[in-house]
């Protein structure tokens, strides 16, 4: 069971049905759009790295940027409606990650 105190979320809007039916509601449609954007950006990241023609590279990069912006907009919409929850990290875990990655900087050549 997830600790409710460690969650970062807005109150959920009252627009969702209490009993889930096969019909898609607003949250379902937005979540589907966000999932699609995530899938597309994964594929576009590969395409932009491997595009050999400069104009093709520029076009794919523009599409990738716009898709990332669309995903962010959908995420913000879900978060604002309380449909996307985040778990707050414990300070000890943050400190451990900082120490781990801060140590990597000594390996840089300059």
PDB file of N, CA and C in Angstrom:
ATOM      1  N   UNK A   1       0.827  -1.182   0.000  1.00  0.00           N
ATOM      2  CA  UNK A   1       0.000   0.000   0.000  1.00  0.00           C
ATOM      3  C   UNK A   1       0.868   1.240   0.000  1.00  0.00           C
ATOM      4  N   UNK A   2       0.589   2.169  -0.881  1.00  0.00           N
ATOM      5  CA  UNK A   2       1.381   3.371  -1.007  1.00  0.00           C
ATOM      6  C   UNK A   2       0.984   4.374   0.065  1.00  0.00           C
ATOM      7  N   UNK A   3       1.968   5.018   0.654  1.00  0.00           N
ATOM      8  CA  UNK A   3       1.734   5.994   1.702  1.00  0.00           C
ATOM      9  C   UNK A   3       1.143   7.262   1.092  1.00  0.00           C
ATOM     10  N   UNK A   4      -0.040   7.656   1.545  1.00  0.00           N
ATOM     11  CA  UNK A   4      -0.720   8.829   1.002  1.00  0.00           C
ATOM     12  C   UNK A   4       0.044  10.119   1.300  1.00  0.00           C
ATOM     13  N   UNK A   5       0.819  10.150   2.411  1.00  0.00           N
ATOM     14  CA  UNK A   5       1.557  11.356   2.759  1.00  0.00           C
ATOM     15  C   UNK A   5       2.691  11.626   1.788  1.00  0.00           C
ATOM     16  N   UNK A   6       3.211  10.618   1.148  1.00  0.00           N
ATOM     17  CA  UNK A   6       4.322  10.788   0.219  1.00  0.00           C
ATOM     18  C   UNK A   6       3.864  11.092  -1.197  1.00  0.00           C
ATOM     19  N   UNK A   7       2.565  11.265  -1.396  1.00  0.00           N
ATOM     20  CA  UNK A   7       2.059  11.532  -2.739  1.00  0.00           C
ATOM     21  C   UNK A   7       1.936  13.027  -2.976  1.00  0.00           C
ATOM     22  N   UNK A   8       2.284  13.411  -4.181  1.00  0.00           N
ATOM     23  CA  UNK A   8       2.115  14.783  -4.631  1.00  0.00           C
ATOM     24  C   UNK A   8       1.015  14.740  -5.675  1.00  0.00           C
ATOM     25  N   UNK A   9      -0.121  15.365  -5.371  1.00  0.00           N
ATOM     26  CA  UNK A   9      -1.257  15.295  -6.296  1.00  0.00           C
ATOM     27  C   UNK A   9      -2.232  16.415  -5.978  1.00  0.00           C
ATOM     28  N   UNK A  10      -2.995  16.760  -6.966  1.00  0.00           N
ATOM     29  CA  UNK A  10      -4.107  17.672  -6.786  1.00  0.00           C
ATOM     30  C   UNK A  10      -5.351  16.847  -6.482  1.00  0.00           C
ATOM     31  N   UNK A  11      -6.361  17.461  -5.877  1.00  0.00           N
ATOM     32  CA  UNK A  11      -7.609  16.710  -5.653  1.00  0.00           C
ATOM     33  C   UNK A  11      -8.205  16.288  -6.994  1.00  0.00           C
ATOM     34  N   UNK A  12      -8.700  15.065  -7.035  1.00  0.00           N
ATOM     35  CA  UNK A  12      -9.306  14.559  -8.270  1.00  0.00           C
ATOM     36  C   UNK A  12     -10.614  15.268  -8.524  1.00  0.00           C
ATOM     37  N   UNK A  13     -10.846  15.612  -9.771  1.00  0.00           N
ATOM     38  CA  UNK A  13     -12.107  16.234 -10.136  1.00  0.00           C
ATOM     39  C   UNK A  13     -13.226  15.213 -10.027  1.00  0.00           C
ATOM     40  N   UNK A  14     -14.434  15.655  -9.883  1.00  0.00           N
ATOM     41  CA  UNK A  14     -15.565  14.747  -9.733  1.00  0.00           C
ATOM     42  C   UNK A  14     -16.152  14.284 -11.039  1.00  0.00           C
ATOM     43  N   UNK A  15     -15.406  14.364 -12.139  1.00  0.00           N
ATOM     44  CA  UNK A  15     -15.939  14.054 -13.458  1.00  0.00           C
ATOM     45  C   UNK A  15     -15.879  12.572 -13.818  1.00  0.00           C
ATOM     46  N   UNK A  16     -15.222  11.761 -13.004  1.00  0.00           N
ATOM     47  CA  UNK A  16     -15.060  10.355 -13.356  1.00  0.00           C
ATOM     48  C   UNK A  16     -16.171   9.507 -12.753  1.00  0.00           C
ATOM     49  N   UNK A  17     -16.609   8.476 -13.463  1.00  0.00           N
ATOM     50  CA  UNK A  17     -17.637   7.592 -12.914  1.00  0.00           C
ATOM     51  C   UNK A  17     -17.071   6.766 -11.763  1.00  0.00           C
ATOM     52  N   UNK A  18     -17.902   6.465 -10.778  1.00  0.00           N
ATOM     53  CA  UNK A  18     -17.464   5.666  -9.639  1.00  0.00           C
ATOM     54  C   UNK A  18     -17.202   4.212 -10.047  1.00  0.00           C
ATOM     55  N   UNK A  19     -18.002   3.701 -10.952  1.00  0.00           N
ATOM     56  CA  UNK A  19     -17.828   2.335 -11.438  1.00  0.00           C
ATOM     57  C   UNK A  19     -17.327   2.426 -12.881  1.00  0.00           C
ATOM     58  N   UNK A  20     -16.192   1.812 -13.141  1.00  0.00           N
ATOM     59  CA  UNK A  20     -15.603   1.875 -14.478  1.00  0.00           C
ATOM     60  C   UNK A  20     -16.383   1.001 -15.447  1.00  0.00           C
ATOM     61  N   UNK A  21     -16.694   1.569 -16.574  1.00  0.00           N
ATOM     62  CA  UNK A  21     -17.399   0.841 -17.628  1.00  0.00           C
ATOM     63  C   UNK A  21     -16.461   0.706 -18.827  1.00  0.00           C
ATOM     64  N   UNK A  22     -16.878  -0.018 -19.862  1.00  0.00           N
ATOM     65  CA  UNK A  22     -16.031  -0.126 -21.057  1.00  0.00           C
ATOM     66  C   UNK A  22     -15.879   1.209 -21.799  1.00  0.00           C
ATOM     67  N   UNK A  23     -16.771   2.164 -21.518  1.00  0.00           N
ATOM     68  CA  UNK A  23     -16.689   3.464 -22.180  1.00  0.00           C
ATOM     69  C   UNK A  23     -15.495   4.250 -21.650  1.00  0.00           C
ATOM     70  N   UNK A  24     -14.839   4.980 -22.550  1.00  0.00           N
ATOM     71  CA  UNK A  24     -13.698   5.800 -22.139  1.00  0.00           C
ATOM     72  C   UNK A  24     -14.200   7.142 -21.623  1.00  0.00           C
ATOM     73  N   UNK A  25     -13.607   7.605 -20.526  1.00  0.00           N
ATOM     74  CA  UNK A  25     -13.937   8.921 -19.999  1.00  0.00           C
ATOM     75  C   UNK A  25     -12.805   9.893 -20.342  1.00  0.00           C
ATOM     76  N   UNK A  26     -12.909  11.138 -19.883  1.00  0.00           N
ATOM     77  CA  UNK A  26     -11.896  12.142 -20.209  1.00  0.00           C
ATOM     78  C   UNK A  26     -10.502  11.712 -19.771  1.00  0.00           C
ATOM     79  N   UNK A  27     -10.396  11.168 -18.575  1.00  0.00           N
ATOM     80  CA  UNK A  27      -9.087  10.724 -18.082  1.00  0.00           C
ATOM     81  C   UNK A  27      -8.512   9.640 -18.990  1.00  0.00           C
ATOM     82  N   UNK A  28      -9.347   8.705 -19.416  1.00  0.00           N
ATOM     83  CA  UNK A  28      -8.887   7.629 -20.292  1.00  0.00           C
ATOM     84  C   UNK A  28      -8.349   8.177 -21.617  1.00  0.00           C
ATOM     85  N   UNK A  29      -9.072   9.116 -22.212  1.00  0.00           N
ATOM     86  CA  UNK A  29      -8.642   9.683 -23.489  1.00  0.00           C
ATOM     87  C   UNK A  29      -7.329  10.445 -23.345  1.00  0.00           C
ATOM     88  N   UNK A  30      -7.218  11.242 -22.280  1.00  0.00           N
ATOM     89  CA  UNK A  30      -5.994  12.017 -22.074  1.00  0.00           C
ATOM     90  C   UNK A  30      -4.829  11.095 -21.754  1.00  0.00           C
ATOM     91  N   UNK A  31      -5.071  10.077 -20.934  1.00  0.00           N
ATOM     92  CA  UNK A  31      -4.023   9.115 -20.607  1.00  0.00           C
ATOM     93  C   UNK A  31      -3.563   8.369 -21.860  1.00  0.00           C
ATOM     94  N   UNK A  32      -4.502   8.023 -22.727  1.00  0.00           N
ATOM     95  CA  UNK A  32      -4.155   7.361 -23.979  1.00  0.00           C
ATOM     96  C   UNK A  32      -3.302   8.288 -24.846  1.00  0.00           C
ATOM     97  N   UNK A  33      -3.659   9.561 -24.905  1.00  0.00           N
ATOM     98  CA  UNK A  33      -2.868  10.527 -25.666  1.00  0.00           C
ATOM     99  C   UNK A  33      -1.465  10.676 -25.110  1.00  0.00           C
ATOM    100  N   UNK A  34      -1.355  10.731 -23.776  1.00  0.00           N
ATOM    101  CA  UNK A  34      -0.043  10.846 -23.148  1.00  0.00           C
ATOM    102  C   UNK A  34       0.805   9.604 -23.426  1.00  0.00           C
ATOM    103  N   UNK A  35       0.200   8.432 -23.316  1.00  0.00           N
ATOM    104  CA  UNK A  35       0.930   7.193 -23.608  1.00  0.00           C
ATOM    105  C   UNK A  35       1.392   7.159 -25.060  1.00  0.00           C
ATOM    106  N   UNK A  36       0.549   7.624 -25.962  1.00  0.00           N
ATOM    107  CA  UNK A  36       0.904   7.662 -27.375  1.00  0.00           C
ATOM    108  C   UNK A  36       2.066   8.625 -27.609  1.00  0.00           C
ATOM    109  N   UNK A  37       2.022   9.800 -26.979  1.00  0.00           N
ATOM    110  CA  UNK A  37       3.119  10.763 -27.115  1.00  0.00           C
ATOM    111  C   UNK A  37       4.430  10.168 -26.613  1.00  0.00           C
ATOM    112  N   UNK A  38       4.381   9.446 -25.503  1.00  0.00           N
ATOM    113  CA  UNK A  38       5.589   8.820 -24.967  1.00  0.00           C
ATOM    114  C   UNK A  38       6.144   7.804 -25.961  1.00  0.00           C
ATOM    115  N   UNK A  39       5.290   7.009 -26.536  1.00  0.00           N
ATOM    116  CA  UNK A  39       5.713   6.007 -27.511  1.00  0.00           C
ATOM    117  C   UNK A  39       6.314   6.679 -28.745  1.00  0.00           C
ATOM    118  N   UNK A  40       5.663   7.727 -29.234  1.00  0.00           N
ATOM    119  CA  UNK A  40       6.134   8.418 -30.436  1.00  0.00           C
ATOM    120  C   UNK A  40       7.481   9.088 -30.178  1.00  0.00           C
ATOM    121  N   UNK A  41       7.640   9.728 -29.001  1.00  0.00           N
ATOM    122  CA  UNK A  41       8.920  10.382 -28.726  1.00  0.00           C
ATOM    123  C   UNK A  41      10.060   9.369 -28.631  1.00  0.00           C
ATOM    124  N   UNK A  42       9.783   8.193 -28.103  1.00  0.00           N
ATOM    125  CA  UNK A  42      10.819   7.152 -28.070  1.00  0.00           C
ATOM    126  C   UNK A  42      11.282   6.825 -29.494  1.00  0.00           C
ATOM    127  N   UNK A  43      10.336   6.669 -30.392  1.00  0.00           N
ATOM    128  CA  UNK A  43      10.675   6.336 -31.777  1.00  0.00           C
ATOM    129  C   UNK A  43      11.351   7.508 -32.489  1.00  0.00           C
ATOM    130  N   UNK A  44      10.863   8.714 -32.240  1.00  0.00           N
ATOM    131  CA  UNK A  44      11.456   9.884 -32.888  1.00  0.00           C
ATOM    132  C   UNK A  44      12.872  10.151 -32.389  1.00  0.00           C
ATOM    133  N   UNK A  45      13.159   9.841 -31.129  1.00  0.00           N
ATOM    134  CA  UNK A  45      14.518  10.004 -30.626  1.00  0.00           C
ATOM    135  C   UNK A  45      15.491   9.157 -31.433  1.00  0.00           C
ATOM    136  N   UNK A  46      15.089   7.947 -31.751  1.00  0.00           N
ATOM    137  CA  UNK A  46      15.936   7.077 -32.564  1.00  0.00           C
ATOM    138  C   UNK A  46      16.061   7.646 -33.977  1.00  0.00           C
ATOM    139  N   UNK A  47      14.940   8.063 -34.536  1.00  0.00           N
ATOM    140  CA  UNK A  47      14.955   8.569 -35.909  1.00  0.00           C
ATOM    141  C   UNK A  47      15.822   9.817 -36.039  1.00  0.00           C
ATOM    142  N   UNK A  48      15.749  10.718 -35.072  1.00  0.00           N
ATOM    143  CA  UNK A  48      16.520  11.962 -35.181  1.00  0.00           C
ATOM    144  C   UNK A  48      18.023  11.681 -35.038  1.00  0.00           C
ATOM    145  N   UNK A  49      18.374  10.705 -34.232  1.00  0.00           N
ATOM    146  CA  UNK A  49      19.798  10.345 -34.101  1.00  0.00           C
ATOM    147  C   UNK A  49      20.333   9.705 -35.378  1.00  0.00           C
ATOM    148  N   UNK A  50      19.498   8.994 -36.097  1.00  0.00           N
ATOM    149  CA  UNK A  50      19.952   8.228 -37.251  1.00  0.00           C
ATOM    150  C   UNK A  50      19.677   8.900 -38.594  1.00  0.00           C
ATOM    151  N   UNK A  51      19.052  10.058 -38.579  1.00  0.00           N
ATOM    152  CA  UNK A  51      18.760  10.756 -39.844  1.00  0.00           C
ATOM    153  C   UNK A  51      20.065  11.286 -40.432  1.00  0.00           C
ATOM    154  N   UNK A  52      20.368  10.865 -41.656  1.00  0.00           N
ATOM    155  CA  UNK A  52      21.628  11.269 -42.272  1.00  0.00           C
ATOM    156  C   UNK A  52      21.509  12.580 -43.049  1.00  0.00           C
ATOM    157  N   UNK A  53      20.328  12.917 -43.500  1.00  0.00           N
ATOM    158  CA  UNK A  53      20.121  14.143 -44.279  1.00  0.00           C
ATOM    159  C   UNK A  53      19.788  15.282 -43.320  1.00  0.00           C
ATOM    160  N   UNK A  54      20.461  16.406 -43.468  1.00  0.00           N
ATOM    161  CA  UNK A  54      20.332  17.514 -42.524  1.00  0.00           C
ATOM    162  C   UNK A  54      18.906  18.059 -42.452  1.00  0.00           C
ATOM    163  N   UNK A  55      18.227  18.159 -43.594  1.00  0.00           N
ATOM    164  CA  UNK A  55      16.854  18.671 -43.583  1.00  0.00           C
ATOM    165  C   UNK A  55      15.893  17.680 -42.930  1.00  0.00           C
ATOM    166  N   UNK A  56      16.100  16.404 -43.192  1.00  0.00           N
ATOM    167  CA  UNK A  56      15.282  15.378 -42.545  1.00  0.00           C
ATOM    168  C   UNK A  56      15.512  15.413 -41.037  1.00  0.00           C
ATOM    169  N   UNK A  57      16.764  15.540 -40.633  1.00  0.00           N
ATOM    170  CA  UNK A  57      17.106  15.641 -39.209  1.00  0.00           C
ATOM    171  C   UNK A  57      16.372  16.820 -38.574  1.00  0.00           C
ATOM    172  N   UNK A  58      16.402  17.965 -39.228  1.00  0.00           N
ATOM    173  CA  UNK A  58      15.751  19.159 -38.695  1.00  0.00           C
ATOM    174  C   UNK A  58      14.236  18.969 -38.587  1.00  0.00           C
ATOM    175  N   UNK A  59      13.640  18.359 -39.594  1.00  0.00           N
ATOM    176  CA  UNK A  59      12.189  18.133 -39.565  1.00  0.00           C
ATOM    177  C   UNK A  59      11.794  17.179 -38.444  1.00  0.00           C
ATOM    178  N   UNK A  60      12.527  16.095 -38.300  1.00  0.00           N
ATOM    179  CA  UNK A  60      12.213  15.123 -37.250  1.00  0.00           C
ATOM    180  C   UNK A  60      12.431  15.744 -35.874  1.00  0.00           C
ATOM    181  N   UNK A  61      13.494  16.536 -35.744  1.00  0.00           N
ATOM    182  CA  UNK A  61      13.765  17.196 -34.470  1.00  0.00           C
ATOM    183  C   UNK A  61      12.633  18.152 -34.096  1.00  0.00           C
ATOM    184  N   UNK A  62      12.096  18.862 -35.087  1.00  0.00           N
ATOM    185  CA  UNK A  62      10.972  19.763 -34.834  1.00  0.00           C
ATOM    186  C   UNK A  62       9.735  18.982 -34.396  1.00  0.00           C
ATOM    187  N   UNK A  63       9.461  17.875 -35.059  1.00  0.00           N
ATOM    188  CA  UNK A  63       8.321  17.033 -34.688  1.00  0.00           C
ATOM    189  C   UNK A  63       8.522  16.465 -33.288  1.00  0.00           C
ATOM    190  N   UNK A  64       9.745  16.045 -32.980  1.00  0.00           N
ATOM    191  CA  UNK A  64      10.063  15.522 -31.654  1.00  0.00           C
ATOM    192  C   UNK A  64       9.812  16.583 -30.582  1.00  0.00           C
ATOM    193  N   UNK A  65      10.270  17.790 -30.821  1.00  0.00           N
ATOM    194  CA  UNK A  65      10.068  18.881 -29.861  1.00  0.00           C
ATOM    195  C   UNK A  65       8.581  19.154 -29.652  1.00  0.00           C
ATOM    196  N   UNK A  66       7.834  19.224 -30.730  1.00  0.00           N
ATOM    197  CA  UNK A  66       6.394  19.476 -30.623  1.00  0.00           C
ATOM    198  C   UNK A  66       5.686  18.336 -29.895  1.00  0.00           C
ATOM    199  N   UNK A  67       6.123  17.110 -30.126  1.00  0.00           N
ATOM    200  CA  UNK A  67       5.512  15.959 -29.455  1.00  0.00           C
ATOM    201  C   UNK A  67       5.825  15.985 -27.960  1.00  0.00           C
ATOM    202  N   UNK A  68       7.052  16.349 -27.605  1.00  0.00           N
ATOM    203  CA  UNK A  68       7.402  16.494 -26.192  1.00  0.00           C
ATOM    204  C   UNK A  68       6.551  17.585 -25.529  1.00  0.00           C
ATOM    205  N   UNK A  69       6.352  18.681 -26.230  1.00  0.00           N
ATOM    206  CA  UNK A  69       5.526  19.769 -25.690  1.00  0.00           C
ATOM    207  C   UNK A  69       4.079  19.315 -25.508  1.00  0.00           C
ATOM    208  N   UNK A  70       3.569  18.550 -26.462  1.00  0.00           N
ATOM    209  CA  UNK A  70       2.210  18.014 -26.348  1.00  0.00           C
ATOM    210  C   UNK A  70       2.084  17.060 -25.177  1.00  0.00           C
ATOM    211  N   UNK A  71       3.099  16.218 -24.986  1.00  0.00           N
ATOM    212  CA  UNK A  71       3.089  15.288 -23.850  1.00  0.00           C
ATOM    213  C   UNK A  71       3.092  16.063 -22.543  1.00  0.00           C
ATOM    214  N   UNK A  72       3.876  17.119 -22.478  1.00  0.00           N
ATOM    215  CA  UNK A  72       3.931  17.928 -21.254  1.00  0.00           C
ATOM    216  C   UNK A  72       2.577  18.585 -20.987  1.00  0.00           C
ATOM    217  N   UNK A  73       1.933  19.074 -22.023  1.00  0.00           N
ATOM    218  CA  UNK A  73       0.605  19.672 -21.863  1.00  0.00           C
ATOM    219  C   UNK A  73      -0.401  18.648 -21.337  1.00  0.00           C
ATOM    220  N   UNK A  74      -0.363  17.428 -21.882  1.00  0.00           N
ATOM    221  CA  UNK A  74      -1.272  16.381 -21.417  1.00  0.00           C
ATOM    222  C   UNK A  74      -0.966  15.984 -19.982  1.00  0.00           C
ATOM    223  N   UNK A  75       0.315  15.875 -19.647  1.00  0.00           N
ATOM    224  CA  UNK A  75       0.703  15.580 -18.265  1.00  0.00           C
ATOM    225  C   UNK A  75       0.177  16.666 -17.320  1.00  0.00           C
ATOM    226  N   UNK A  76       0.382  17.929 -17.674  1.00  0.00           N
ATOM    227  CA  UNK A  76      -0.099  19.034 -16.825  1.00  0.00           C
ATOM    228  C   UNK A  76      -1.609  18.970 -16.646  1.00  0.00           C
ATOM    229  N   UNK A  77      -2.329  18.665 -17.713  1.00  0.00           N
ATOM    230  CA  UNK A  77      -3.785  18.558 -17.636  1.00  0.00           C
ATOM    231  C   UNK A  77      -4.194  17.429 -16.689  1.00  0.00           C
ATOM    232  N   UNK A  78      -3.532  16.295 -16.810  1.00  0.00           N
ATOM    233  CA  UNK A  78      -3.843  15.176 -15.922  1.00  0.00           C
ATOM    234  C   UNK A  78      -3.505  15.518 -14.472  1.00  0.00           C
ATOM    235  N   UNK A  79      -2.361  16.146 -14.251  1.00  0.00           N
ATOM    236  CA  UNK A  79      -1.950  16.497 -12.893  1.00  0.00           C
ATOM    237  C   UNK A  79      -2.924  17.513 -12.281  1.00  0.00           C
ATOM    238  N   UNK A  80      -3.324  18.506 -13.066  1.00  0.00           N
ATOM    239  CA  UNK A  80      -4.257  19.527 -12.575  1.00  0.00           C
ATOM    240  C   UNK A  80      -5.595  18.931 -12.167  1.00  0.00           C
ATOM    241  N   UNK A  81      -6.010  17.881 -12.853  1.00  0.00           N
ATOM    242  CA  UNK A  81      -7.294  17.244 -12.551  1.00  0.00           C
ATOM    243  C   UNK A  81      -7.179  16.143 -11.499  1.00  0.00           C
ATOM    244  N   UNK A  82      -5.974  15.943 -10.960  1.00  0.00           N
ATOM    245  CA  UNK A  82      -5.779  14.922  -9.948  1.00  0.00           C
ATOM    246  C   UNK A  82      -5.737  13.517 -10.511  1.00  0.00           C
ATOM    247  N   UNK A  83      -5.474  13.387 -11.797  1.00  0.00           N
ATOM    248  CA  UNK A  83      -5.449  12.076 -12.449  1.00  0.00           C
ATOM    249  C   UNK A  83      -4.047  11.518 -12.576  1.00  0.00           C
ATOM    250  N   UNK A  84      -3.051  12.273 -12.140  1.00  0.00           N
ATOM    251  CA  UNK A  84      -1.658  11.839 -12.218  1.00  0.00           C
ATOM    252  C   UNK A  84      -1.029  12.167 -10.875  1.00  0.00           C
ATOM    253  N   UNK A  85      -0.563  11.152 -10.187  1.00  0.00           N
ATOM    254  CA  UNK A  85       0.020  11.334  -8.867  1.00  0.00           C
ATOM    255  C   UNK A  85       1.501  11.018  -8.914  1.00  0.00           C
ATOM    256  N   UNK A  86       2.264  11.739  -8.124  1.00  0.00           N
ATOM    257  CA  UNK A  86       3.695  11.517  -8.004  1.00  0.00           C
ATOM    258  C   UNK A  86       4.011  11.108  -6.576  1.00  0.00           C
ATOM    259  N   UNK A  87       5.060  10.346  -6.410  1.00  0.00           N
ATOM    260  CA  UNK A  87       5.482   9.966  -5.072  1.00  0.00           C
ATOM    261  C   UNK A  87       6.692  10.808  -4.689  1.00  0.00           C
ATOM    262  N   UNK A  88       6.604  11.479  -3.548  1.00  0.00           N
ATOM    263  CA  UNK A  88       7.718  12.294  -3.076  1.00  0.00           C
ATOM    264  C   UNK A  88       8.866  11.393  -2.651  1.00  0.00           C
ATOM    265  N   UNK A  89      10.058  11.774  -3.041  1.00  0.00           N
ATOM    266  CA  UNK A  89      11.240  10.993  -2.669  1.00  0.00           C
ATOM    267  C   UNK A  89      11.670  11.360  -1.255  1.00  0.00           C
ATOM    268  N   UNK A  90      12.158  10.373  -0.549  1.00  0.00           N
ATOM    269  CA  UNK A  90      12.680  10.617   0.796  1.00  0.00           C
ATOM    270  C   UNK A  90      14.006  11.352   0.671  1.00  0.00           C
ATOM    271  N   UNK A  91      14.278  12.265   1.604  1.00  0.00           N
ATOM    272  CA  UNK A  91      15.494  13.072   1.546  1.00  0.00           C
ATOM    273  C   UNK A  91      16.747  12.202   1.526  1.00  0.00           C
ATOM    274  N   UNK A  92      16.746  11.092   2.257  1.00  0.00           N
ATOM    275  CA  UNK A  92      17.901  10.206   2.287  1.00  0.00           C
ATOM    276  C   UNK A  92      18.199   9.647   0.893  1.00  0.00           C
ATOM    277  N   UNK A  93      17.150   9.271   0.142  1.00  0.00           N
ATOM    278  CA  UNK A  93      17.352   8.742  -1.212  1.00  0.00           C
ATOM    279  C   UNK A  93      17.865   9.832  -2.158  1.00  0.00           C
ATOM    280  N   UNK A  94      17.380  11.047  -1.971  1.00  0.00           N
ATOM    281  CA  UNK A  94      17.860  12.169  -2.788  1.00  0.00           C
ATOM    282  C   UNK A  94      19.342  12.414  -2.515  1.00  0.00           C
ATOM    283  N   UNK A  95      19.711  12.416  -1.237  1.00  0.00           N
ATOM    284  CA  UNK A  95      21.111  12.628  -0.856  1.00  0.00           C
ATOM    285  C   UNK A  95      22.009  11.524  -1.414  1.00  0.00           C
ATOM    286  N   UNK A  96      21.540  10.266  -1.369  1.00  0.00           N
ATOM    287  CA  UNK A  96      22.323   9.150  -1.891  1.00  0.00           C
ATOM    288  C   UNK A  96      22.540   9.281  -3.395  1.00  0.00           C
ATOM    289  N   UNK A  97      21.481   9.648  -4.118  1.00  0.00           N
ATOM    290  CA  UNK A  97      21.596   9.820  -5.569  1.00  0.00           C
ATOM    291  C   UNK A  97      22.541  10.969  -5.893  1.00  0.00           C
ATOM    292  N   UNK A  98      22.460  12.051  -5.132  1.00  0.00           N
ATOM    293  CA  UNK A  98      23.351  13.188  -5.358  1.00  0.00           C
ATOM    294  C   UNK A  98      24.803  12.767  -5.167  1.00  0.00           C
ATOM    295  N   UNK A  99      25.079  12.064  -4.090  1.00  0.00           N
ATOM    296  CA  UNK A  99      26.444  11.622  -3.819  1.00  0.00           C
ATOM    297  C   UNK A  99      26.947  10.694  -4.930  1.00  0.00           C
ATOM    298  N   UNK A 100      26.101   9.796  -5.364  1.00  0.00           N
ATOM    299  CA  UNK A 100      26.484   8.847  -6.417  1.00  0.00           C
ATOM    300  C   UNK A 100      26.859   9.582  -7.697  1.00  0.00           C
ATOM    301  N   UNK A 101      25.987  10.467  -8.159  1.00  0.00           N
ATOM    302  CA  UNK A 101      26.222  11.132  -9.431  1.00  0.00           C
ATOM    303  C   UNK A 101      27.234  12.260  -9.314  1.00  0.00           C
ATOM    304  N   UNK A 102      27.340  12.858  -8.150  1.00  0.00           N
ATOM    305  CA  UNK A 102      28.348  13.881  -7.941  1.00  0.00           C
ATOM    306  C   UNK A 102      29.743  13.271  -8.033  1.00  0.00           C
ATOM    307  N   UNK A 103      29.888  12.023  -7.586  1.00  0.00           N
ATOM    308  CA  UNK A 103      31.156  11.325  -7.692  1.00  0.00           C
ATOM    309  C   UNK A 103      31.575  11.069  -9.125  1.00  0.00           C
ATOM    310  N   UNK A 104      30.622  10.968 -10.026  1.00  0.00           N
ATOM    311  CA  UNK A 104      30.935  10.731 -11.433  1.00  0.00           C
ATOM    312  C   UNK A 104      31.677  11.910 -12.054  1.00  0.00           C
ATOM    313  N   UNK A 105      31.463  13.110 -11.529  1.00  0.00           N
ATOM    314  CA  UNK A 105      32.074  14.287 -12.136  1.00  0.00           C
ATOM    315  C   UNK A 105      33.599  14.225 -12.094  1.00  0.00           C
ATOM    316  N   UNK A 106      34.152  13.477 -11.161  1.00  0.00           N
ATOM    317  CA  UNK A 106      35.611  13.348 -11.108  1.00  0.00           C
ATOM    318  C   UNK A 106      36.159  12.510 -12.271  1.00  0.00           C
ATOM    319  N   UNK A 107      35.286  11.809 -12.966  1.00  0.00           N
ATOM    320  CA  UNK A 107      35.708  10.985 -14.095  1.00  0.00           C
ATOM    321  C   UNK A 107      35.718  11.748 -15.420  1.00  0.00           C
ATOM    322  N   UNK A 108      35.184  12.970 -15.421  1.00  0.00           N
ATOM    323  CA  UNK A 108      35.160  13.763 -16.658  1.00  0.00           C
ATOM    324  C   UNK A 108      36.584  14.180 -17.024  1.00  0.00           C
ATOM    325  N   UNK A 109      36.886  14.224 -18.322  1.00  0.00           N
ATOM    326  CA  UNK A 109      38.260  14.544 -18.739  1.00  0.00           C
ATOM    327  C   UNK A 109      38.657  16.000 -18.489  1.00  0.00           C
ATOM    328  N   UNK A 110      37.728  16.894 -18.304  1.00  0.00           N
ATOM    329  CA  UNK A 110      38.060  18.308 -18.054  1.00  0.00           C
ATOM    330  C   UNK A 110      37.116  18.908 -17.075  1.00  0.00           C
TER     331      UNK A 110
END
